N, C-alpha and C. Protein backbone atom coordinates (compact mmCIF):
# COMPACT_ATOMS: atom_id res chain seq x y z
N MET A 1 6.44 -15.47 -16.24
CA MET A 1 7.71 -15.27 -16.91
C MET A 1 8.76 -16.12 -16.22
N ASP A 2 9.38 -17.00 -16.98
CA ASP A 2 10.49 -17.77 -16.44
C ASP A 2 11.77 -17.38 -17.18
N GLU A 3 12.85 -18.11 -16.91
CA GLU A 3 14.14 -17.77 -17.52
C GLU A 3 14.11 -17.89 -19.04
N LEU A 4 13.40 -18.89 -19.57
CA LEU A 4 13.32 -19.04 -21.02
C LEU A 4 12.56 -17.88 -21.65
N ASP A 5 11.45 -17.47 -21.03
CA ASP A 5 10.72 -16.30 -21.54
C ASP A 5 11.61 -15.07 -21.54
N SER A 6 12.36 -14.86 -20.48
CA SER A 6 13.26 -13.71 -20.40
C SER A 6 14.34 -13.78 -21.46
N ALA A 7 14.86 -14.97 -21.71
CA ALA A 7 15.89 -15.14 -22.74
C ALA A 7 15.32 -14.88 -24.13
N ILE A 8 14.08 -15.32 -24.36
CA ILE A 8 13.42 -15.06 -25.64
C ILE A 8 13.26 -13.56 -25.84
N LEU A 9 12.80 -12.85 -24.81
CA LEU A 9 12.63 -11.41 -24.91
C LEU A 9 13.96 -10.71 -25.22
N ALA A 10 15.01 -11.12 -24.55
CA ALA A 10 16.33 -10.52 -24.80
C ALA A 10 16.77 -10.75 -26.23
N GLU A 11 16.60 -11.96 -26.70
CA GLU A 11 16.99 -12.28 -28.08
C GLU A 11 16.19 -11.49 -29.10
N LEU A 12 14.88 -11.43 -28.92
CA LEU A 12 14.04 -10.73 -29.89
C LEU A 12 14.25 -9.22 -29.85
N GLN A 13 14.56 -8.68 -28.68
CA GLN A 13 14.85 -7.25 -28.60
C GLN A 13 16.19 -6.93 -29.25
N SER A 14 17.08 -7.91 -29.25
CA SER A 14 18.37 -7.74 -29.90
C SER A 14 18.24 -7.85 -31.41
N ASP A 15 17.40 -8.81 -31.87
CA ASP A 15 17.21 -9.02 -33.31
C ASP A 15 15.86 -9.68 -33.54
N ALA A 16 14.84 -8.87 -33.78
CA ALA A 16 13.49 -9.39 -33.97
C ALA A 16 13.30 -10.02 -35.35
N ARG A 17 14.27 -9.86 -36.23
CA ARG A 17 14.15 -10.41 -37.59
C ARG A 17 14.72 -11.82 -37.71
N GLN A 18 15.31 -12.34 -36.66
CA GLN A 18 15.86 -13.68 -36.74
C GLN A 18 14.74 -14.71 -36.90
N THR A 19 15.06 -15.80 -37.54
CA THR A 19 14.07 -16.85 -37.75
C THR A 19 13.82 -17.60 -36.45
N ASN A 20 12.72 -18.29 -36.40
CA ASN A 20 12.41 -19.11 -35.23
C ASN A 20 13.49 -20.17 -35.04
N ARG A 21 13.96 -20.74 -36.13
CA ARG A 21 15.01 -21.77 -36.05
C ARG A 21 16.28 -21.18 -35.43
N GLU A 22 16.66 -19.97 -35.84
CA GLU A 22 17.85 -19.31 -35.28
C GLU A 22 17.63 -18.98 -33.80
N LEU A 23 16.45 -18.51 -33.46
CA LEU A 23 16.12 -18.23 -32.07
C LEU A 23 16.25 -19.48 -31.22
N ALA A 24 15.69 -20.57 -31.68
CA ALA A 24 15.76 -21.84 -30.95
C ALA A 24 17.21 -22.30 -30.77
N ARG A 25 18.01 -22.15 -31.83
CA ARG A 25 19.42 -22.55 -31.76
C ARG A 25 20.16 -21.73 -30.71
N ARG A 26 19.94 -20.43 -30.71
CA ARG A 26 20.61 -19.55 -29.74
C ARG A 26 20.21 -19.86 -28.30
N LEU A 27 18.95 -20.31 -28.13
CA LEU A 27 18.45 -20.59 -26.78
C LEU A 27 18.70 -22.03 -26.35
N GLY A 28 19.06 -22.88 -27.32
CA GLY A 28 19.29 -24.29 -26.99
C GLY A 28 18.01 -25.06 -26.74
N VAL A 29 16.94 -24.70 -27.47
CA VAL A 29 15.67 -25.41 -27.32
C VAL A 29 15.20 -25.84 -28.71
N ALA A 30 14.20 -26.70 -28.72
CA ALA A 30 13.61 -27.15 -29.99
C ALA A 30 12.86 -25.98 -30.65
N PRO A 31 12.86 -25.93 -31.98
CA PRO A 31 12.12 -24.86 -32.67
C PRO A 31 10.65 -24.81 -32.27
N SER A 32 10.03 -25.97 -32.03
CA SER A 32 8.63 -25.97 -31.63
C SER A 32 8.45 -25.31 -30.26
N THR A 33 9.40 -25.52 -29.36
CA THR A 33 9.34 -24.89 -28.04
C THR A 33 9.47 -23.38 -28.16
N ALA A 34 10.44 -22.93 -28.97
CA ALA A 34 10.64 -21.49 -29.16
C ALA A 34 9.39 -20.86 -29.76
N LEU A 35 8.81 -21.50 -30.76
CA LEU A 35 7.63 -20.96 -31.42
C LEU A 35 6.45 -20.86 -30.46
N GLU A 36 6.22 -21.91 -29.69
CA GLU A 36 5.10 -21.90 -28.74
C GLU A 36 5.30 -20.83 -27.67
N ARG A 37 6.54 -20.69 -27.19
CA ARG A 37 6.81 -19.67 -26.16
C ARG A 37 6.62 -18.26 -26.72
N VAL A 38 7.08 -18.01 -27.94
CA VAL A 38 6.89 -16.69 -28.54
C VAL A 38 5.41 -16.41 -28.72
N ARG A 39 4.66 -17.37 -29.21
CA ARG A 39 3.22 -17.19 -29.38
C ARG A 39 2.53 -16.94 -28.05
N SER A 40 2.97 -17.63 -27.01
CA SER A 40 2.41 -17.41 -25.68
C SER A 40 2.70 -15.99 -25.20
N LEU A 41 3.91 -15.50 -25.41
CA LEU A 41 4.27 -14.13 -25.03
C LEU A 41 3.43 -13.12 -25.80
N GLU A 42 3.15 -13.41 -27.05
CA GLU A 42 2.30 -12.53 -27.86
C GLU A 42 0.85 -12.55 -27.35
N ARG A 43 0.34 -13.75 -27.07
CA ARG A 43 -1.04 -13.87 -26.57
C ARG A 43 -1.22 -13.15 -25.25
N ARG A 44 -0.21 -13.21 -24.40
CA ARG A 44 -0.26 -12.58 -23.07
C ARG A 44 0.05 -11.09 -23.14
N ASN A 45 0.29 -10.60 -24.35
CA ASN A 45 0.56 -9.18 -24.59
C ASN A 45 1.87 -8.72 -23.95
N VAL A 46 2.79 -9.66 -23.72
CA VAL A 46 4.13 -9.29 -23.27
C VAL A 46 4.89 -8.73 -24.47
N ILE A 47 4.80 -9.43 -25.59
CA ILE A 47 5.32 -8.92 -26.86
C ILE A 47 4.15 -8.24 -27.54
N ARG A 48 4.27 -6.94 -27.74
CA ARG A 48 3.16 -6.15 -28.28
C ARG A 48 3.35 -5.81 -29.75
N GLY A 49 4.47 -6.16 -30.33
CA GLY A 49 4.69 -5.86 -31.73
C GLY A 49 6.16 -5.94 -32.08
N TYR A 50 6.44 -5.81 -33.35
CA TYR A 50 7.80 -5.83 -33.88
C TYR A 50 7.97 -4.56 -34.71
N HIS A 51 9.01 -3.80 -34.42
CA HIS A 51 9.13 -2.48 -35.03
C HIS A 51 10.52 -2.28 -35.60
N GLY A 52 10.58 -1.46 -36.64
CA GLY A 52 11.86 -1.03 -37.17
C GLY A 52 12.26 0.29 -36.53
N GLU A 53 13.50 0.42 -36.17
CA GLU A 53 13.99 1.67 -35.59
C GLU A 53 14.49 2.56 -36.73
N VAL A 54 14.05 3.80 -36.75
CA VAL A 54 14.43 4.71 -37.81
C VAL A 54 15.25 5.87 -37.25
N SER A 55 16.04 6.46 -38.10
CA SER A 55 16.87 7.61 -37.74
C SER A 55 16.04 8.88 -37.90
N LEU A 56 15.87 9.63 -36.81
CA LEU A 56 15.14 10.89 -36.90
C LEU A 56 15.87 11.88 -37.81
N ALA A 57 17.18 11.91 -37.74
CA ALA A 57 17.95 12.81 -38.60
C ALA A 57 17.74 12.49 -40.08
N ALA A 58 17.64 11.21 -40.40
CA ALA A 58 17.41 10.81 -41.80
C ALA A 58 16.02 11.23 -42.27
N LEU A 59 15.10 11.46 -41.34
CA LEU A 59 13.75 11.90 -41.68
C LEU A 59 13.60 13.43 -41.53
N ASN A 60 14.73 14.13 -41.47
CA ASN A 60 14.75 15.59 -41.34
C ASN A 60 14.08 16.05 -40.05
N ARG A 61 14.37 15.33 -38.95
CA ARG A 61 13.83 15.67 -37.63
C ARG A 61 14.97 15.67 -36.62
N SER A 62 15.98 16.46 -36.86
CA SER A 62 17.19 16.40 -36.03
C SER A 62 17.08 17.17 -34.72
N VAL A 63 16.06 18.01 -34.55
CA VAL A 63 15.87 18.74 -33.29
C VAL A 63 14.74 18.09 -32.50
N GLN A 64 15.09 17.63 -31.29
CA GLN A 64 14.09 17.05 -30.40
C GLN A 64 13.94 17.93 -29.17
N ALA A 65 12.75 17.89 -28.60
CA ALA A 65 12.51 18.65 -27.37
C ALA A 65 11.48 17.93 -26.52
N LEU A 66 11.54 18.21 -25.22
CA LEU A 66 10.51 17.79 -24.28
C LEU A 66 9.75 19.04 -23.87
N ILE A 67 8.43 18.97 -23.95
CA ILE A 67 7.60 20.12 -23.63
C ILE A 67 6.66 19.74 -22.50
N SER A 68 6.80 20.42 -21.37
CA SER A 68 5.89 20.24 -20.23
C SER A 68 4.72 21.18 -20.45
N VAL A 69 3.50 20.65 -20.33
CA VAL A 69 2.30 21.44 -20.63
C VAL A 69 1.35 21.38 -19.44
N GLN A 70 0.77 22.55 -19.12
CA GLN A 70 -0.27 22.63 -18.12
C GLN A 70 -1.57 23.00 -18.84
N VAL A 71 -2.66 22.29 -18.48
CA VAL A 71 -3.97 22.58 -19.06
C VAL A 71 -4.97 22.83 -17.93
N ARG A 72 -6.00 23.60 -18.24
CA ARG A 72 -7.09 23.86 -17.31
C ARG A 72 -8.37 23.98 -18.10
N PRO A 73 -9.50 23.63 -17.56
CA PRO A 73 -9.70 22.97 -16.27
C PRO A 73 -9.29 21.50 -16.35
N LEU A 74 -8.94 20.96 -15.22
CA LEU A 74 -8.52 19.56 -15.18
C LEU A 74 -9.74 18.65 -15.08
N HIS A 75 -10.37 18.46 -16.21
CA HIS A 75 -11.49 17.53 -16.33
C HIS A 75 -11.11 16.46 -17.33
N ARG A 76 -11.68 15.29 -17.18
CA ARG A 76 -11.38 14.18 -18.07
C ARG A 76 -11.56 14.57 -19.54
N GLN A 77 -12.62 15.28 -19.85
CA GLN A 77 -12.88 15.65 -21.25
C GLN A 77 -11.76 16.54 -21.79
N VAL A 78 -11.28 17.47 -21.00
CA VAL A 78 -10.19 18.35 -21.42
C VAL A 78 -8.91 17.56 -21.60
N ILE A 79 -8.61 16.71 -20.65
CA ILE A 79 -7.39 15.90 -20.71
C ILE A 79 -7.44 14.98 -21.92
N ASP A 80 -8.54 14.26 -22.10
CA ASP A 80 -8.66 13.33 -23.23
C ASP A 80 -8.61 14.06 -24.56
N SER A 81 -9.28 15.19 -24.66
CA SER A 81 -9.31 15.96 -25.90
C SER A 81 -7.92 16.48 -26.26
N PHE A 82 -7.20 17.01 -25.27
CA PHE A 82 -5.85 17.52 -25.54
C PHE A 82 -4.91 16.37 -25.90
N GLN A 83 -5.02 15.27 -25.20
CA GLN A 83 -4.18 14.12 -25.51
C GLN A 83 -4.41 13.64 -26.95
N ASP A 84 -5.65 13.54 -27.35
CA ASP A 84 -5.97 13.12 -28.72
C ASP A 84 -5.44 14.12 -29.74
N PHE A 85 -5.58 15.41 -29.44
CA PHE A 85 -5.10 16.46 -30.34
C PHE A 85 -3.60 16.36 -30.57
N VAL A 86 -2.81 16.34 -29.48
CA VAL A 86 -1.35 16.35 -29.63
C VAL A 86 -0.84 15.03 -30.19
N ALA A 87 -1.47 13.92 -29.84
CA ALA A 87 -1.02 12.62 -30.35
C ALA A 87 -1.16 12.54 -31.87
N ALA A 88 -2.08 13.30 -32.44
CA ALA A 88 -2.29 13.28 -33.88
C ALA A 88 -1.35 14.22 -34.64
N LEU A 89 -0.61 15.05 -33.95
CA LEU A 89 0.29 15.99 -34.62
C LEU A 89 1.54 15.26 -35.12
N PRO A 90 1.96 15.54 -36.35
CA PRO A 90 3.11 14.81 -36.91
C PRO A 90 4.43 15.08 -36.18
N GLU A 91 4.55 16.20 -35.51
CA GLU A 91 5.78 16.52 -34.79
C GLU A 91 5.94 15.73 -33.50
N VAL A 92 4.83 15.23 -32.97
CA VAL A 92 4.83 14.60 -31.64
C VAL A 92 5.19 13.12 -31.74
N LEU A 93 6.22 12.72 -30.98
CA LEU A 93 6.65 11.33 -30.93
C LEU A 93 6.00 10.58 -29.77
N SER A 94 5.87 11.25 -28.62
CA SER A 94 5.31 10.62 -27.42
C SER A 94 4.50 11.63 -26.64
N VAL A 95 3.46 11.12 -25.98
CA VAL A 95 2.62 11.93 -25.10
C VAL A 95 2.52 11.21 -23.76
N PHE A 96 2.87 11.91 -22.71
CA PHE A 96 2.77 11.36 -21.36
C PHE A 96 1.78 12.21 -20.57
N VAL A 97 0.82 11.58 -19.91
CA VAL A 97 -0.10 12.27 -19.01
C VAL A 97 0.49 12.13 -17.61
N LEU A 98 0.65 13.24 -16.90
CA LEU A 98 1.42 13.26 -15.66
C LEU A 98 0.59 13.63 -14.44
N ALA A 99 1.13 13.30 -13.29
CA ALA A 99 0.66 13.83 -12.01
C ALA A 99 1.68 14.87 -11.59
N GLY A 100 1.26 15.84 -10.82
CA GLY A 100 2.19 16.87 -10.37
C GLY A 100 1.88 18.21 -10.97
N SER A 101 2.88 19.11 -11.01
CA SER A 101 2.64 20.47 -11.48
C SER A 101 2.41 20.54 -12.99
N ASP A 102 2.94 19.60 -13.75
CA ASP A 102 2.71 19.55 -15.19
C ASP A 102 1.69 18.45 -15.49
N ASP A 103 0.86 18.69 -16.48
CA ASP A 103 -0.19 17.74 -16.82
C ASP A 103 0.21 16.81 -17.95
N PHE A 104 1.07 17.30 -18.85
CA PHE A 104 1.52 16.51 -19.99
C PHE A 104 3.01 16.73 -20.20
N LEU A 105 3.65 15.73 -20.78
CA LEU A 105 5.01 15.86 -21.27
C LEU A 105 4.98 15.35 -22.71
N LEU A 106 5.38 16.20 -23.63
CA LEU A 106 5.40 15.84 -25.04
C LEU A 106 6.84 15.70 -25.50
N GLN A 107 7.12 14.67 -26.26
CA GLN A 107 8.40 14.55 -26.94
C GLN A 107 8.13 14.85 -28.40
N VAL A 108 8.83 15.86 -28.92
CA VAL A 108 8.63 16.25 -30.31
C VAL A 108 9.95 16.18 -31.06
N ALA A 109 9.86 16.01 -32.38
CA ALA A 109 11.04 16.02 -33.25
C ALA A 109 10.68 16.83 -34.48
N VAL A 110 11.50 17.86 -34.75
CA VAL A 110 11.24 18.77 -35.86
C VAL A 110 12.54 19.02 -36.64
N GLN A 111 12.41 19.79 -37.73
CA GLN A 111 13.55 20.05 -38.60
C GLN A 111 14.60 20.95 -37.96
N ASP A 112 14.15 22.00 -37.29
CA ASP A 112 15.09 22.99 -36.75
C ASP A 112 14.41 23.78 -35.64
N LEU A 113 15.16 24.71 -35.05
CA LEU A 113 14.62 25.50 -33.93
C LEU A 113 13.49 26.42 -34.38
N ASP A 114 13.54 26.91 -35.61
CA ASP A 114 12.43 27.74 -36.10
C ASP A 114 11.14 26.93 -36.14
N ARG A 115 11.22 25.68 -36.56
CA ARG A 115 10.02 24.83 -36.60
C ARG A 115 9.54 24.49 -35.20
N LEU A 116 10.47 24.33 -34.26
CA LEU A 116 10.08 24.10 -32.87
C LEU A 116 9.32 25.31 -32.34
N HIS A 117 9.85 26.49 -32.61
CA HIS A 117 9.18 27.72 -32.18
C HIS A 117 7.80 27.83 -32.81
N ALA A 118 7.69 27.53 -34.09
CA ALA A 118 6.40 27.57 -34.78
C ALA A 118 5.42 26.57 -34.17
N PHE A 119 5.90 25.38 -33.81
CA PHE A 119 5.05 24.39 -33.17
C PHE A 119 4.48 24.93 -31.86
N LEU A 120 5.34 25.56 -31.07
CA LEU A 120 4.91 26.09 -29.78
C LEU A 120 3.90 27.24 -29.96
N VAL A 121 4.19 28.14 -30.86
CA VAL A 121 3.35 29.32 -31.04
C VAL A 121 2.08 29.00 -31.82
N ASP A 122 2.21 28.24 -32.89
CA ASP A 122 1.07 28.00 -33.78
C ASP A 122 0.18 26.83 -33.36
N ARG A 123 0.73 25.89 -32.64
CA ARG A 123 -0.06 24.72 -32.25
C ARG A 123 -0.48 24.77 -30.79
N LEU A 124 0.51 24.87 -29.89
CA LEU A 124 0.20 24.77 -28.46
C LEU A 124 -0.44 26.03 -27.90
N SER A 125 0.16 27.17 -28.15
CA SER A 125 -0.33 28.39 -27.50
C SER A 125 -1.72 28.81 -27.98
N LYS A 126 -2.16 28.29 -29.10
CA LYS A 126 -3.49 28.63 -29.61
C LYS A 126 -4.61 27.78 -28.99
N ARG A 127 -4.24 26.76 -28.26
CA ARG A 127 -5.25 25.92 -27.60
C ARG A 127 -5.73 26.62 -26.34
N LYS A 128 -7.05 26.80 -26.21
CA LYS A 128 -7.60 27.55 -25.08
C LYS A 128 -7.36 26.86 -23.74
N GLU A 129 -7.24 25.53 -23.73
CA GLU A 129 -7.04 24.84 -22.46
C GLU A 129 -5.59 24.90 -21.97
N VAL A 130 -4.65 25.27 -22.82
CA VAL A 130 -3.24 25.35 -22.44
C VAL A 130 -3.01 26.64 -21.67
N THR A 131 -2.58 26.49 -20.41
CA THR A 131 -2.31 27.66 -19.58
C THR A 131 -0.82 27.96 -19.46
N GLY A 132 0.01 27.03 -19.86
CA GLY A 132 1.45 27.26 -19.82
C GLY A 132 2.20 26.06 -20.34
N PHE A 133 3.43 26.31 -20.79
CA PHE A 133 4.31 25.22 -21.21
C PHE A 133 5.75 25.65 -21.04
N LYS A 134 6.61 24.65 -20.93
CA LYS A 134 8.05 24.87 -20.76
C LYS A 134 8.75 23.88 -21.68
N THR A 135 9.74 24.37 -22.41
CA THR A 135 10.41 23.55 -23.41
C THR A 135 11.87 23.31 -23.03
N SER A 136 12.31 22.07 -23.18
CA SER A 136 13.71 21.70 -22.99
C SER A 136 14.19 21.03 -24.27
N VAL A 137 15.20 21.61 -24.90
CA VAL A 137 15.77 21.02 -26.11
C VAL A 137 16.64 19.84 -25.70
N ILE A 138 16.53 18.76 -26.43
CA ILE A 138 17.30 17.54 -26.15
C ILE A 138 18.58 17.58 -26.98
N TYR A 139 19.72 17.51 -26.31
CA TYR A 139 20.99 17.45 -27.03
C TYR A 139 21.31 16.03 -27.45
N ARG A 140 21.09 15.09 -26.54
CA ARG A 140 21.34 13.68 -26.82
C ARG A 140 20.24 12.86 -26.19
N HIS A 141 19.97 11.71 -26.80
CA HIS A 141 18.93 10.82 -26.29
C HIS A 141 19.45 9.40 -26.35
N THR A 142 19.44 8.74 -25.23
CA THR A 142 19.82 7.32 -25.16
C THR A 142 18.67 6.60 -24.49
N ARG A 143 18.32 5.45 -25.04
CA ARG A 143 17.27 4.67 -24.40
C ARG A 143 17.68 3.21 -24.39
N SER A 144 17.13 2.50 -23.46
CA SER A 144 17.41 1.08 -23.36
C SER A 144 16.62 0.36 -24.45
N THR A 145 17.32 -0.44 -25.23
CA THR A 145 16.64 -1.18 -26.30
C THR A 145 16.28 -2.59 -25.86
N ALA A 146 16.78 -3.01 -24.72
CA ALA A 146 16.45 -4.34 -24.20
C ALA A 146 15.90 -4.19 -22.79
N ILE A 147 14.63 -4.49 -22.63
CA ILE A 147 13.97 -4.36 -21.33
C ILE A 147 13.74 -5.76 -20.78
N SER A 148 14.19 -5.98 -19.55
CA SER A 148 14.01 -7.29 -18.92
C SER A 148 13.11 -7.15 -17.71
N PRO A 149 12.46 -8.25 -17.31
CA PRO A 149 11.59 -8.17 -16.14
C PRO A 149 12.40 -7.93 -14.87
N LEU A 150 11.78 -7.26 -13.90
CA LEU A 150 12.40 -7.05 -12.60
C LEU A 150 11.94 -8.13 -11.65
N GLU A 151 12.77 -8.41 -10.68
CA GLU A 151 12.40 -9.41 -9.67
C GLU A 151 11.25 -8.87 -8.83
N PRO A 152 10.35 -9.73 -8.40
CA PRO A 152 9.31 -9.30 -7.46
C PRO A 152 9.98 -8.79 -6.17
N VAL A 153 9.33 -7.87 -5.49
CA VAL A 153 9.89 -7.28 -4.27
C VAL A 153 10.22 -8.38 -3.25
N SER A 154 9.37 -9.37 -3.10
CA SER A 154 9.59 -10.42 -2.10
C SER A 154 10.86 -11.23 -2.40
N ALA A 155 11.25 -11.36 -3.66
CA ALA A 155 12.44 -12.13 -4.02
C ALA A 155 13.72 -11.38 -3.69
N ARG A 156 13.64 -10.03 -3.57
CA ARG A 156 14.84 -9.23 -3.27
C ARG A 156 15.09 -9.11 -1.79
N GLU A 157 14.11 -9.39 -0.97
CA GLU A 157 14.27 -9.19 0.48
C GLU A 157 14.94 -10.34 1.14
């Protein structure tokens, strides 16, 4: 990753729908250079896709929560099976497998608090491997939409 690659990433994260010609103009490079660099970033799996951002409220999912889940026994088959199960649920936005006292962190988005309660009681608590969970309702969510590379540790010292 050099400065041009970083600039390409910043531009595409800001507006992934811009044309290659517009990208090249903004970066001050030839369109062929911009195209080859973008293709290289895609081949190297730095750019993993192009996505549209949607409003959860517009999709009738205005209540979000983070759910910490503990499962037992802690065997690969149990972990993989539970991860596959929750990832397939329509309410679940993200699944994180953790180290520490909690084994999973789920981000869910539902219509209202009654649906959140139903998700917890009807989906999670009925799973035999789930030994406990804790729910935190999200009031606001902000995330970085532009991710840039960090300097190597040796460059900061």
